[in-house]
Amino acid sequence: MWLLGSSDYSAQLAASAGLPYVFANHFSGSGLDRALALYRDGYQASEEHPEPRTFLTVNAVAAPTAEEAEERALPQLRMFARLRTNRPLTALETVEEARGAASDPLFEQFTADARARWFIGTGADVAAQVRDFAARYGVDEVMLSPVAGAYESEPRDASPGRAQTLELVAAAL
């Protein structure tokens, strides 16, 4: 069992219970350094887990080109901005719908903030980002959450961009 959280409290709870800790970086991102420090500094070994174990989650989009990856990220980035600005959630836009959406400064701010924490690029780019991220934070595991959007010509129920993300990154690792 692992404890998933994104706060100081969850890190301290996992540490005091001697459990492995997953920081939900895929939807939070802020407080990562502090949460890991609190977890590691306060870790109380348990019989099952004598050492602290950490795991981070990341949003990722990989495509054959960096340009396509950026395009495929846009629908989920806009959904994230919608969620963070307390606007009504809608069906996920296609890449074309997201590109054609009206400009909104608040959306753009939240999209840029999220984009800075996501891993977007070619399979090799994303694999390198994952390796660097894992090394920087000294974690045992990193879980990719593939968030690639679909083009209008692609089936909406099959998520080919998400499968492509996992395939390209796996091939590069």
N, C-alpha and C. Protein backbone atom coordinates (compact mmCIF):
# COMPACT_ATOMS: atom_id res chain seq x y z
N MET A 1 0.84 -1.17 0.00
CA MET A 1 0.00 0.00 0.00
C MET A 1 0.90 1.24 0.00
N TRP A 2 0.51 2.24 -0.80
CA TRP A 2 1.18 3.53 -0.88
C TRP A 2 0.18 4.61 -0.48
N LEU A 3 0.66 5.70 0.08
CA LEU A 3 -0.21 6.82 0.37
C LEU A 3 -0.01 7.87 -0.72
N LEU A 4 -1.09 8.24 -1.40
CA LEU A 4 -1.07 9.26 -2.44
C LEU A 4 -1.51 10.57 -1.84
N GLY A 5 -0.75 11.63 -2.08
CA GLY A 5 -1.12 12.92 -1.56
C GLY A 5 -0.40 14.04 -2.28
N SER A 6 -0.78 15.26 -1.91
CA SER A 6 -0.17 16.43 -2.52
C SER A 6 -0.01 17.56 -1.49
N SER A 7 0.17 17.16 -0.25
CA SER A 7 0.25 18.18 0.80
C SER A 7 1.27 17.78 1.86
N ASP A 8 1.57 18.74 2.72
CA ASP A 8 2.44 18.46 3.86
C ASP A 8 1.82 17.38 4.74
N TYR A 9 0.51 17.48 4.95
CA TYR A 9 -0.17 16.53 5.83
C TYR A 9 -0.02 15.10 5.31
N SER A 10 -0.24 14.90 4.01
CA SER A 10 -0.15 13.53 3.48
C SER A 10 1.27 13.00 3.56
N ALA A 11 2.25 13.86 3.36
CA ALA A 11 3.65 13.43 3.47
C ALA A 11 3.97 13.03 4.90
N GLN A 12 3.51 13.81 5.86
CA GLN A 12 3.76 13.50 7.27
C GLN A 12 3.01 12.25 7.70
N LEU A 13 1.80 12.06 7.19
CA LEU A 13 1.03 10.87 7.52
C LEU A 13 1.72 9.61 6.99
N ALA A 14 2.17 9.65 5.76
CA ALA A 14 2.87 8.50 5.18
C ALA A 14 4.14 8.21 5.97
N ALA A 15 4.88 9.25 6.34
CA ALA A 15 6.12 9.08 7.11
C ALA A 15 5.83 8.45 8.47
N SER A 16 4.83 8.95 9.16
CA SER A 16 4.54 8.44 10.51
C SER A 16 4.00 7.02 10.49
N ALA A 17 3.37 6.62 9.39
CA ALA A 17 2.83 5.26 9.28
C ALA A 17 3.84 4.30 8.65
N GLY A 18 5.00 4.81 8.24
CA GLY A 18 6.00 3.95 7.63
C GLY A 18 5.56 3.40 6.28
N LEU A 19 4.85 4.24 5.53
CA LEU A 19 4.34 3.82 4.21
C LEU A 19 5.12 4.50 3.08
N PRO A 20 5.17 3.87 1.93
CA PRO A 20 5.70 4.56 0.75
C PRO A 20 4.78 5.73 0.40
N TYR A 21 5.36 6.77 -0.19
CA TYR A 21 4.61 8.00 -0.47
C TYR A 21 4.64 8.35 -1.95
N VAL A 22 3.47 8.64 -2.49
CA VAL A 22 3.32 9.09 -3.87
C VAL A 22 2.90 10.56 -3.82
N PHE A 23 3.72 11.44 -4.40
CA PHE A 23 3.31 12.85 -4.49
C PHE A 23 2.59 13.04 -5.82
N ALA A 24 1.37 13.54 -5.74
CA ALA A 24 0.51 13.70 -6.91
C ALA A 24 0.90 14.95 -7.70
N ASN A 25 2.06 14.91 -8.26
CA ASN A 25 2.59 16.03 -9.03
C ASN A 25 1.77 16.30 -10.29
N HIS A 26 1.06 15.29 -10.80
CA HIS A 26 0.31 15.45 -12.04
C HIS A 26 -0.83 16.45 -11.92
N PHE A 27 -1.32 16.69 -10.71
CA PHE A 27 -2.35 17.72 -10.58
C PHE A 27 -1.98 18.83 -9.61
N SER A 28 -0.91 18.68 -8.88
CA SER A 28 -0.54 19.73 -7.94
C SER A 28 0.71 20.45 -8.40
N GLY A 29 1.84 19.84 -8.17
CA GLY A 29 3.10 20.44 -8.58
C GLY A 29 3.71 21.37 -7.55
N SER A 30 2.89 22.09 -6.83
CA SER A 30 3.46 22.99 -5.84
C SER A 30 3.65 22.24 -4.52
N GLY A 31 4.73 22.55 -3.84
CA GLY A 31 5.00 21.93 -2.56
C GLY A 31 5.74 20.61 -2.64
N LEU A 32 6.20 20.23 -3.82
CA LEU A 32 6.88 18.95 -4.00
C LEU A 32 8.13 18.85 -3.14
N ASP A 33 9.00 19.83 -3.19
CA ASP A 33 10.24 19.79 -2.41
C ASP A 33 9.96 19.64 -0.92
N ARG A 34 9.04 20.45 -0.44
CA ARG A 34 8.72 20.42 1.00
C ARG A 34 8.10 19.08 1.40
N ALA A 35 7.17 18.58 0.59
CA ALA A 35 6.52 17.31 0.93
C ALA A 35 7.53 16.17 0.99
N LEU A 36 8.43 16.11 0.02
CA LEU A 36 9.44 15.04 0.04
C LEU A 36 10.38 15.18 1.23
N ALA A 37 10.76 16.41 1.56
CA ALA A 37 11.63 16.63 2.72
C ALA A 37 10.92 16.21 4.01
N LEU A 38 9.67 16.60 4.17
CA LEU A 38 8.92 16.22 5.37
C LEU A 38 8.79 14.70 5.47
N TYR A 39 8.52 14.07 4.34
CA TYR A 39 8.38 12.62 4.33
C TYR A 39 9.70 11.95 4.71
N ARG A 40 10.76 12.32 4.05
CA ARG A 40 12.05 11.67 4.30
C ARG A 40 12.59 11.98 5.70
N ASP A 41 12.48 13.22 6.14
CA ASP A 41 12.99 13.60 7.47
C ASP A 41 12.19 12.96 8.60
N GLY A 42 10.90 12.78 8.39
CA GLY A 42 10.05 12.23 9.45
C GLY A 42 9.75 10.75 9.32
N TYR A 43 10.39 10.08 8.39
CA TYR A 43 10.06 8.68 8.12
C TYR A 43 10.36 7.80 9.33
N GLN A 44 9.36 7.00 9.71
CA GLN A 44 9.49 6.03 10.78
C GLN A 44 9.40 4.64 10.14
N ALA A 45 10.50 3.95 10.16
CA ALA A 45 10.56 2.64 9.51
C ALA A 45 9.49 1.70 10.04
N SER A 46 8.96 0.90 9.13
CA SER A 46 7.99 -0.12 9.50
C SER A 46 8.59 -1.47 9.12
N GLU A 47 7.99 -2.53 9.63
CA GLU A 47 8.50 -3.86 9.33
C GLU A 47 8.47 -4.12 7.83
N GLU A 48 7.39 -3.72 7.20
CA GLU A 48 7.24 -3.95 5.76
C GLU A 48 8.09 -3.00 4.92
N HIS A 49 8.33 -1.79 5.44
CA HIS A 49 9.07 -0.77 4.69
C HIS A 49 10.16 -0.15 5.59
N PRO A 50 11.31 -0.80 5.68
CA PRO A 50 12.37 -0.29 6.55
C PRO A 50 12.97 1.03 6.08
N GLU A 51 12.80 1.35 4.80
CA GLU A 51 13.35 2.59 4.23
C GLU A 51 12.22 3.37 3.56
N PRO A 52 12.34 4.70 3.51
CA PRO A 52 11.32 5.47 2.79
C PRO A 52 11.38 5.17 1.29
N ARG A 53 10.22 5.15 0.67
CA ARG A 53 10.13 4.95 -0.79
C ARG A 53 9.26 6.06 -1.35
N THR A 54 9.68 6.62 -2.46
CA THR A 54 8.93 7.73 -3.04
C THR A 54 8.64 7.46 -4.52
N PHE A 55 7.58 8.11 -4.95
CA PHE A 55 7.02 7.88 -6.27
C PHE A 55 6.40 9.22 -6.67
N LEU A 56 6.66 9.67 -7.87
CA LEU A 56 6.07 10.91 -8.36
C LEU A 56 5.24 10.63 -9.61
N THR A 57 4.22 11.42 -9.81
CA THR A 57 3.41 11.31 -11.02
C THR A 57 3.62 12.56 -11.88
N VAL A 58 3.60 12.37 -13.19
CA VAL A 58 3.77 13.51 -14.10
C VAL A 58 2.82 13.37 -15.29
N ASN A 59 2.37 14.49 -15.80
CA ASN A 59 1.62 14.53 -17.04
C ASN A 59 2.61 14.56 -18.19
N ALA A 60 2.34 13.76 -19.21
CA ALA A 60 3.28 13.67 -20.32
C ALA A 60 2.55 13.58 -21.66
N VAL A 61 3.16 14.20 -22.66
CA VAL A 61 2.69 14.10 -24.04
C VAL A 61 3.93 13.93 -24.91
N ALA A 62 3.98 12.81 -25.62
CA ALA A 62 5.08 12.58 -26.55
C ALA A 62 4.50 12.33 -27.94
N ALA A 63 5.20 12.81 -28.94
CA ALA A 63 4.78 12.64 -30.33
C ALA A 63 6.04 12.57 -31.19
N PRO A 64 5.90 12.23 -32.45
CA PRO A 64 7.07 12.18 -33.32
C PRO A 64 7.82 13.50 -33.42
N THR A 65 7.10 14.62 -33.29
CA THR A 65 7.75 15.93 -33.30
C THR A 65 7.34 16.72 -32.06
N ALA A 66 8.19 17.64 -31.65
CA ALA A 66 7.86 18.50 -30.51
C ALA A 66 6.64 19.36 -30.81
N GLU A 67 6.48 19.78 -32.06
CA GLU A 67 5.33 20.61 -32.44
C GLU A 67 4.03 19.84 -32.26
N GLU A 68 4.01 18.58 -32.70
CA GLU A 68 2.80 17.78 -32.53
C GLU A 68 2.52 17.54 -31.05
N ALA A 69 3.54 17.31 -30.27
CA ALA A 69 3.34 17.09 -28.84
C ALA A 69 2.71 18.33 -28.19
N GLU A 70 3.20 19.52 -28.55
CA GLU A 70 2.62 20.75 -28.00
C GLU A 70 1.15 20.88 -28.39
N GLU A 71 0.83 20.55 -29.64
CA GLU A 71 -0.57 20.60 -30.08
C GLU A 71 -1.43 19.63 -29.30
N ARG A 72 -0.92 18.41 -29.13
CA ARG A 72 -1.70 17.38 -28.44
C ARG A 72 -1.88 17.70 -26.96
N ALA A 73 -1.02 18.50 -26.39
CA ALA A 73 -1.14 18.88 -24.98
C ALA A 73 -2.23 19.92 -24.76
N LEU A 74 -2.51 20.71 -25.76
CA LEU A 74 -3.41 21.86 -25.61
C LEU A 74 -4.81 21.52 -25.07
N PRO A 75 -5.51 20.49 -25.56
CA PRO A 75 -6.85 20.22 -25.00
C PRO A 75 -6.83 19.94 -23.50
N GLN A 76 -5.88 19.14 -23.02
CA GLN A 76 -5.82 18.85 -21.59
C GLN A 76 -5.36 20.06 -20.79
N LEU A 77 -4.46 20.85 -21.34
CA LEU A 77 -4.05 22.07 -20.66
C LEU A 77 -5.24 23.01 -20.48
N ARG A 78 -6.07 23.11 -21.51
CA ARG A 78 -7.26 23.97 -21.41
C ARG A 78 -8.27 23.40 -20.42
N MET A 79 -8.39 22.07 -20.35
CA MET A 79 -9.29 21.46 -19.37
C MET A 79 -8.78 21.72 -17.96
N PHE A 80 -7.47 21.62 -17.78
CA PHE A 80 -6.86 21.91 -16.49
C PHE A 80 -7.15 23.36 -16.09
N ALA A 81 -7.00 24.29 -17.02
CA ALA A 81 -7.28 25.70 -16.74
C ALA A 81 -8.76 25.89 -16.40
N ARG A 82 -9.63 25.19 -17.08
CA ARG A 82 -11.07 25.27 -16.80
C ARG A 82 -11.34 24.81 -15.37
N LEU A 83 -10.72 23.73 -14.99
CA LEU A 83 -10.89 23.19 -13.64
C LEU A 83 -10.35 24.16 -12.59
N ARG A 84 -9.15 24.69 -12.82
CA ARG A 84 -8.51 25.58 -11.85
C ARG A 84 -9.18 26.95 -11.74
N THR A 85 -9.90 27.36 -12.77
CA THR A 85 -10.57 28.66 -12.73
C THR A 85 -12.06 28.51 -12.38
N ASN A 86 -12.41 27.30 -11.96
CA ASN A 86 -13.78 27.02 -11.50
C ASN A 86 -14.84 27.28 -12.58
N ARG A 87 -14.48 26.97 -13.80
CA ARG A 87 -15.42 27.10 -14.91
C ARG A 87 -16.05 25.75 -15.19
N PRO A 88 -17.20 25.74 -15.82
CA PRO A 88 -17.86 24.46 -16.10
C PRO A 88 -16.97 23.54 -16.94
N LEU A 89 -16.96 22.28 -16.57
CA LEU A 89 -16.20 21.30 -17.35
C LEU A 89 -17.03 20.90 -18.56
N THR A 90 -16.36 20.66 -19.65
CA THR A 90 -17.01 20.29 -20.90
C THR A 90 -16.36 19.01 -21.41
N ALA A 91 -16.89 18.51 -22.50
CA ALA A 91 -16.21 17.39 -23.16
C ALA A 91 -14.84 17.88 -23.59
N LEU A 92 -13.88 16.99 -23.56
CA LEU A 92 -12.52 17.36 -23.94
C LEU A 92 -12.51 17.82 -25.40
N GLU A 93 -11.92 18.97 -25.63
CA GLU A 93 -11.82 19.51 -26.98
C GLU A 93 -10.87 18.67 -27.83
N THR A 94 -11.05 18.74 -29.12
CA THR A 94 -10.04 18.19 -30.02
C THR A 94 -8.90 19.20 -30.09
N VAL A 95 -7.80 18.79 -30.69
CA VAL A 95 -6.68 19.70 -30.88
C VAL A 95 -7.14 20.92 -31.68
N GLU A 96 -7.90 20.68 -32.74
CA GLU A 96 -8.35 21.78 -33.59
C GLU A 96 -9.27 22.74 -32.84
N GLU A 97 -10.17 22.21 -32.01
CA GLU A 97 -11.05 23.08 -31.22
C GLU A 97 -10.25 23.90 -30.22
N ALA A 98 -9.28 23.27 -29.57
CA ALA A 98 -8.46 23.98 -28.59
C ALA A 98 -7.64 25.08 -29.25
N ARG A 99 -7.09 24.78 -30.43
CA ARG A 99 -6.31 25.80 -31.17
C ARG A 99 -7.18 26.98 -31.57
N GLY A 100 -8.43 26.72 -31.92
CA GLY A 100 -9.32 27.78 -32.40
C GLY A 100 -10.08 28.51 -31.31
N ALA A 101 -9.89 28.13 -30.05
CA ALA A 101 -10.62 28.76 -28.96
C ALA A 101 -10.21 30.23 -28.80
N ALA A 102 -11.16 31.02 -28.35
CA ALA A 102 -10.91 32.44 -28.12
C ALA A 102 -9.84 32.63 -27.05
N SER A 103 -9.07 33.67 -27.20
CA SER A 103 -8.02 33.99 -26.25
C SER A 103 -8.65 34.44 -24.93
N ASP A 104 -8.06 34.00 -23.84
CA ASP A 104 -8.53 34.35 -22.51
C ASP A 104 -7.30 34.46 -21.61
N PRO A 105 -6.98 35.66 -21.14
CA PRO A 105 -5.75 35.84 -20.35
C PRO A 105 -5.66 34.94 -19.12
N LEU A 106 -6.78 34.72 -18.41
CA LEU A 106 -6.74 33.87 -17.23
C LEU A 106 -6.45 32.43 -17.63
N PHE A 107 -7.09 31.95 -18.69
CA PHE A 107 -6.82 30.60 -19.20
C PHE A 107 -5.36 30.48 -19.60
N GLU A 108 -4.86 31.48 -20.27
CA GLU A 108 -3.47 31.44 -20.74
C GLU A 108 -2.50 31.37 -19.57
N GLN A 109 -2.79 32.09 -18.49
CA GLN A 109 -1.93 32.05 -17.30
C GLN A 109 -1.92 30.66 -16.69
N PHE A 110 -3.10 30.07 -16.49
CA PHE A 110 -3.16 28.74 -15.88
C PHE A 110 -2.58 27.68 -16.81
N THR A 111 -2.79 27.84 -18.10
CA THR A 111 -2.23 26.90 -19.07
C THR A 111 -0.70 26.97 -19.03
N ALA A 112 -0.13 28.16 -19.00
CA ALA A 112 1.32 28.32 -18.96
C ALA A 112 1.90 27.74 -17.67
N ASP A 113 1.21 27.96 -16.54
CA ASP A 113 1.68 27.43 -15.27
C ASP A 113 1.71 25.90 -15.29
N ALA A 114 0.65 25.31 -15.81
CA ALA A 114 0.59 23.84 -15.90
C ALA A 114 1.64 23.33 -16.89
N ARG A 115 1.73 24.00 -18.02
CA ARG A 115 2.68 23.58 -19.07
C ARG A 115 4.11 23.49 -18.54
N ALA A 116 4.45 24.37 -17.64
CA ALA A 116 5.81 24.40 -17.09
C ALA A 116 6.13 23.13 -16.29
N ARG A 117 5.11 22.42 -15.81
CA ARG A 117 5.34 21.21 -15.01
C ARG A 117 5.11 19.93 -15.80
N TRP A 118 4.59 20.03 -17.02
CA TRP A 118 4.32 18.84 -17.82
C TRP A 118 5.53 18.50 -18.67
N PHE A 119 5.65 17.24 -19.05
CA PHE A 119 6.74 16.77 -19.90
C PHE A 119 6.17 16.60 -21.30
N ILE A 120 6.61 17.46 -22.22
CA ILE A 120 6.05 17.50 -23.56
C ILE A 120 7.19 17.55 -24.57
N GLY A 121 7.13 16.68 -25.58
CA GLY A 121 8.15 16.67 -26.62
C GLY A 121 8.16 15.35 -27.35
N THR A 122 9.27 15.06 -27.98
CA THR A 122 9.43 13.75 -28.63
C THR A 122 9.58 12.69 -27.54
N GLY A 123 9.53 11.43 -27.93
CA GLY A 123 9.72 10.36 -26.96
C GLY A 123 11.05 10.48 -26.24
N ALA A 124 12.11 10.80 -26.99
CA ALA A 124 13.43 10.96 -26.39
C ALA A 124 13.47 12.16 -25.44
N ASP A 125 12.80 13.25 -25.83
CA ASP A 125 12.75 14.44 -24.96
C ASP A 125 12.08 14.11 -23.63
N VAL A 126 10.92 13.47 -23.71
CA VAL A 126 10.16 13.16 -22.50
C VAL A 126 10.92 12.15 -21.64
N ALA A 127 11.52 11.14 -22.26
CA ALA A 127 12.30 10.16 -21.50
C ALA A 127 13.43 10.86 -20.75
N ALA A 128 14.11 11.79 -21.39
CA ALA A 128 15.19 12.53 -20.74
C ALA A 128 14.65 13.37 -19.58
N GLN A 129 13.51 13.99 -19.78
CA GLN A 129 12.90 14.79 -18.71
C GLN A 129 12.54 13.91 -17.52
N VAL A 130 12.02 12.72 -17.79
CA VAL A 130 11.66 11.79 -16.72
C VAL A 130 12.91 11.37 -15.95
N ARG A 131 13.95 11.01 -16.66
CA ARG A 131 15.21 10.62 -15.99
C ARG A 131 15.75 11.76 -15.12
N ASP A 132 15.79 12.97 -15.68
CA ASP A 132 16.29 14.12 -14.93
C ASP A 132 15.43 14.41 -13.70
N PHE A 133 14.13 14.32 -13.87
CA PHE A 133 13.17 14.57 -12.79
C PHE A 133 13.37 13.56 -11.66
N ALA A 134 13.47 12.28 -12.02
CA ALA A 134 13.67 11.23 -11.01
C ALA A 134 14.98 11.44 -10.27
N ALA A 135 16.03 11.78 -11.00
CA ALA A 135 17.34 12.00 -10.37
C ALA A 135 17.32 13.24 -9.48
N ARG A 136 16.70 14.31 -9.97
CA ARG A 136 16.67 15.57 -9.19
C ARG A 136 15.99 15.37 -7.84
N TYR A 137 14.92 14.56 -7.82
CA TYR A 137 14.16 14.38 -6.58
C TYR A 137 14.51 13.08 -5.86
N GLY A 138 15.40 12.28 -6.44
CA GLY A 138 15.83 11.06 -5.78
C GLY A 138 14.70 10.09 -5.50
N VAL A 139 13.81 9.92 -6.46
CA VAL A 139 12.65 9.06 -6.25
C VAL A 139 12.88 7.66 -6.81
N ASP A 140 12.12 6.72 -6.28
CA ASP A 140 12.22 5.33 -6.70
C ASP A 140 11.46 5.06 -8.00
N GLU A 141 10.36 5.77 -8.22
CA GLU A 141 9.53 5.53 -9.39
C GLU A 141 8.91 6.84 -9.87
N VAL A 142 8.60 6.87 -11.17
CA VAL A 142 7.85 7.96 -11.78
C VAL A 142 6.75 7.33 -12.62
N MET A 143 5.53 7.79 -12.42
CA MET A 143 4.41 7.30 -13.21
C MET A 143 4.00 8.37 -14.22
N LEU A 144 3.91 7.99 -15.47
CA LEU A 144 3.45 8.91 -16.50
C LEU A 144 1.94 8.85 -16.61
N SER A 145 1.33 9.99 -16.63
CA SER A 145 -0.09 10.10 -16.94
C SER A 145 -0.16 10.68 -18.35
N PRO A 146 -0.45 9.85 -19.35
CA PRO A 146 -0.45 10.36 -20.72
C PRO A 146 -1.69 11.22 -20.96
N VAL A 147 -1.49 12.47 -21.35
CA VAL A 147 -2.60 13.41 -21.46
C VAL A 147 -2.75 13.99 -22.87
N ALA A 148 -2.29 13.25 -23.86
CA ALA A 148 -2.35 13.75 -25.24
C ALA A 148 -3.79 13.79 -25.74
N GLY A 149 -4.13 14.90 -26.36
CA GLY A 149 -5.44 15.06 -26.95
C GLY A 149 -5.51 14.43 -28.34
N ALA A 150 -6.71 14.44 -28.89
CA ALA A 150 -6.95 13.82 -30.20
C ALA A 150 -7.22 14.88 -31.26
N TYR A 151 -6.82 14.57 -32.46
CA TYR A 151 -7.20 15.37 -33.62
C TYR A 151 -8.61 14.96 -34.04
N GLU A 152 -9.29 15.84 -34.77
CA GLU A 152 -10.66 15.55 -35.21
C GLU A 152 -10.75 14.27 -36.02
N SER A 153 -9.72 13.93 -36.74
CA SER A 153 -9.72 12.74 -37.60
C SER A 153 -9.51 11.44 -36.82
N GLU A 154 -9.23 11.52 -35.53
CA GLU A 154 -8.95 10.34 -34.73
C GLU A 154 -10.17 9.95 -33.89
N PRO A 155 -10.29 8.65 -33.59
CA PRO A 155 -11.41 8.23 -32.75
C PRO A 155 -11.25 8.80 -31.34
N ARG A 156 -12.34 9.28 -30.79
CA ARG A 156 -12.30 9.87 -29.45
C ARG A 156 -12.26 8.81 -28.36
N ASP A 157 -12.71 7.60 -28.66
CA ASP A 157 -12.78 6.57 -27.64
C ASP A 157 -11.54 5.68 -27.57
N ALA A 158 -10.55 5.93 -28.41
CA ALA A 158 -9.36 5.07 -28.45
C ALA A 158 -8.10 5.76 -27.93
N SER A 159 -8.09 7.06 -27.83
CA SER A 159 -6.94 7.82 -27.32
C SER A 159 -5.62 7.46 -27.99
N PRO A 160 -5.54 7.56 -29.30
CA PRO A 160 -4.28 7.18 -29.96
C PRO A 160 -3.09 8.04 -29.53
N GLY A 161 -3.30 9.30 -29.20
CA GLY A 161 -2.20 10.15 -28.75
C GLY A 161 -1.66 9.71 -27.40
N ARG A 162 -2.53 9.21 -26.55
CA ARG A 162 -2.09 8.73 -25.23
C ARG A 162 -1.28 7.45 -25.38
N ALA A 163 -1.77 6.54 -26.22
CA ALA A 163 -1.02 5.30 -26.48
C ALA A 163 0.33 5.63 -27.12
N GLN A 164 0.31 6.57 -28.06
CA GLN A 164 1.55 6.98 -28.72
C GLN A 164 2.55 7.54 -27.71
N THR A 165 2.07 8.31 -26.75
CA THR A 165 2.94 8.86 -25.72
C THR A 165 3.67 7.74 -24.99
N LEU A 166 2.93 6.76 -24.53
CA LEU A 166 3.54 5.66 -23.77
C LEU A 166 4.50 4.85 -24.65
N GLU A 167 4.11 4.60 -25.88
CA GLU A 167 4.97 3.82 -26.77
C GLU A 167 6.29 4.55 -27.07
N LEU A 168 6.21 5.84 -27.37
CA LEU A 168 7.42 6.60 -27.70
C LEU A 168 8.36 6.74 -26.51
N VAL A 169 7.78 7.00 -25.34
CA VAL A 169 8.63 7.16 -24.15
C VAL A 169 9.23 5.81 -23.77
N ALA A 170 8.45 4.76 -23.80
CA ALA A 170 8.97 3.42 -23.47
C ALA A 170 10.11 3.04 -24.41
N ALA A 171 9.96 3.34 -25.69
CA ALA A 171 11.01 3.01 -26.65
C ALA A 171 12.29 3.79 -26.37
N ALA A 172 12.16 5.01 -25.82
CA ALA A 172 13.32 5.84 -25.55
C ALA A 172 13.97 5.54 -24.19
N LEU A 173 13.24 4.89 -23.33
CA LEU A 173 13.81 4.55 -22.02
C LEU A 173 14.60 3.27 -22.17
